[in-house]
Protein backbone atom coordinates (compact mmCIF):
# COMPACT_ATOMS: atom_id res chain seq x y z
CA MET A 1 0.26 -0.08 0.02
CA ALA A 2 1.44 3.52 -1.07
CA ALA A 3 2.09 5.97 1.85
CA LYS A 4 -0.47 8.90 1.99
CA ARG A 5 0.82 11.71 0.35
CA LYS A 6 1.64 14.87 2.77
CA PRO A 7 0.42 18.09 1.81
CA SER A 8 2.97 20.54 0.88
CA ALA A 9 4.04 22.59 4.04
CA ALA A 10 3.31 25.90 2.09
CA PHE A 11 -0.09 24.98 1.46
CA MET A 12 -0.80 24.32 5.26
CA LYS A 13 0.77 27.49 6.25
CA PRO A 14 -2.14 29.66 7.21
CA VAL A 15 -2.77 32.96 5.00
CA GLN A 16 -4.90 35.92 6.17
CA PRO A 17 -7.64 36.98 3.79
CA ASN A 18 -7.80 40.65 3.13
CA GLU A 19 -11.04 42.39 3.69
CA LYS A 20 -12.41 41.68 0.25
CA LEU A 21 -11.91 37.96 0.30
CA ALA A 22 -12.86 37.84 3.83
CA LEU A 23 -16.53 38.56 3.02
CA VAL A 24 -16.46 35.32 1.10
CA VAL A 25 -14.28 32.96 3.38
CA GLY A 26 -14.37 34.84 6.69
CA ALA A 27 -11.59 36.92 8.40
CA LYS A 28 -9.61 34.28 10.20
CA PRO A 29 -6.28 32.84 8.81
CA LEU A 30 -6.75 29.34 7.27
CA PRO A 31 -4.56 27.13 5.16
CA ARG A 32 -5.00 27.62 1.45
CA THR A 33 -6.51 24.14 1.27
CA GLU A 34 -9.04 25.43 3.37
CA LEU A 35 -9.41 28.51 1.72
CA THR A 36 -10.02 26.93 -1.45
CA LYS A 37 -12.47 24.73 0.12
CA LYS A 38 -14.50 27.76 1.76
CA LEU A 39 -14.59 29.48 -1.74
CA TRP A 40 -16.02 26.37 -3.77
CA GLN A 41 -18.62 25.97 -1.12
CA TYR A 42 -19.49 29.83 -1.50
CA ILE A 43 -19.55 29.47 -5.28
CA LYS A 44 -21.79 26.29 -5.14
CA LYS A 45 -23.87 27.72 -2.49
CA HIS A 46 -24.57 30.78 -4.48
CA LYS A 47 -24.69 28.99 -8.07
CA LEU A 48 -21.96 31.06 -9.48
CA GLN A 49 -20.39 28.32 -11.55
CA ASP A 50 -21.52 28.79 -15.32
CA LYS A 51 -24.25 26.32 -16.28
CA LYS A 52 -22.69 25.94 -20.15
CA VAL A 53 -18.99 26.10 -19.36
CA LYS A 54 -18.20 24.79 -16.08
CA THR A 55 -14.54 26.21 -15.77
CA GLN A 56 -16.12 29.56 -15.77
CA ILE A 57 -17.17 31.49 -12.50
CA ASN A 58 -19.72 34.30 -12.42
CA ALA A 59 -18.90 36.80 -9.77
CA ASP A 60 -21.63 38.15 -7.50
CA ALA A 61 -21.06 41.31 -5.59
CA ALA A 62 -18.68 39.78 -3.11
CA LEU A 63 -16.51 38.19 -5.60
CA LEU A 64 -16.50 41.21 -7.73
CA ALA A 65 -14.10 42.94 -5.70
CA VAL A 66 -11.93 39.91 -5.55
CA PHE A 67 -12.07 39.39 -9.09
CA ARG A 68 -11.06 43.08 -9.58
CA GLY A 69 -14.19 44.10 -11.22
CA LYS A 70 -14.57 40.98 -13.71
CA LYS A 71 -17.97 39.63 -14.21
CA GLN A 72 -16.56 36.16 -15.12
CA VAL A 73 -12.99 34.38 -14.68
CA SER A 74 -11.93 30.88 -15.39
CA MET A 75 -11.17 28.69 -12.76
CA PHE A 76 -7.22 29.29 -13.32
CA GLU A 77 -7.66 33.05 -13.39
CA MET A 78 -9.70 32.86 -9.91
CA THR A 79 -7.01 31.21 -8.22
CA LYS A 80 -4.45 33.65 -9.35
CA LEU A 81 -6.82 36.69 -8.22
CA VAL A 82 -7.36 35.00 -4.90
CA SER A 83 -3.85 34.60 -4.06
CA LYS A 84 -3.65 38.34 -4.56
CA ASN A 85 -5.95 38.92 -1.79
CA VAL A 86 -4.10 37.08 0.94
CA THR A 87 -1.13 37.77 3.09
């Protein structure tokens, strides 16, 4: 049986969401893995994933600030934009 892969220490190190991102994932520092999980929970809860093109995320008022005013971004672009909102 293969040994369970350990998550990278960099991913487990808590990051601090700024005030824009805190509206979506909360204000407490949390590991990137948790941040991503909470972000996806928010996207699914508010049905923000594009119905036709699943890789596109539609912004609501809270995500518009995180996405720098873009109404729609790809999943990959979203990751990049979110990392600009953590310290």
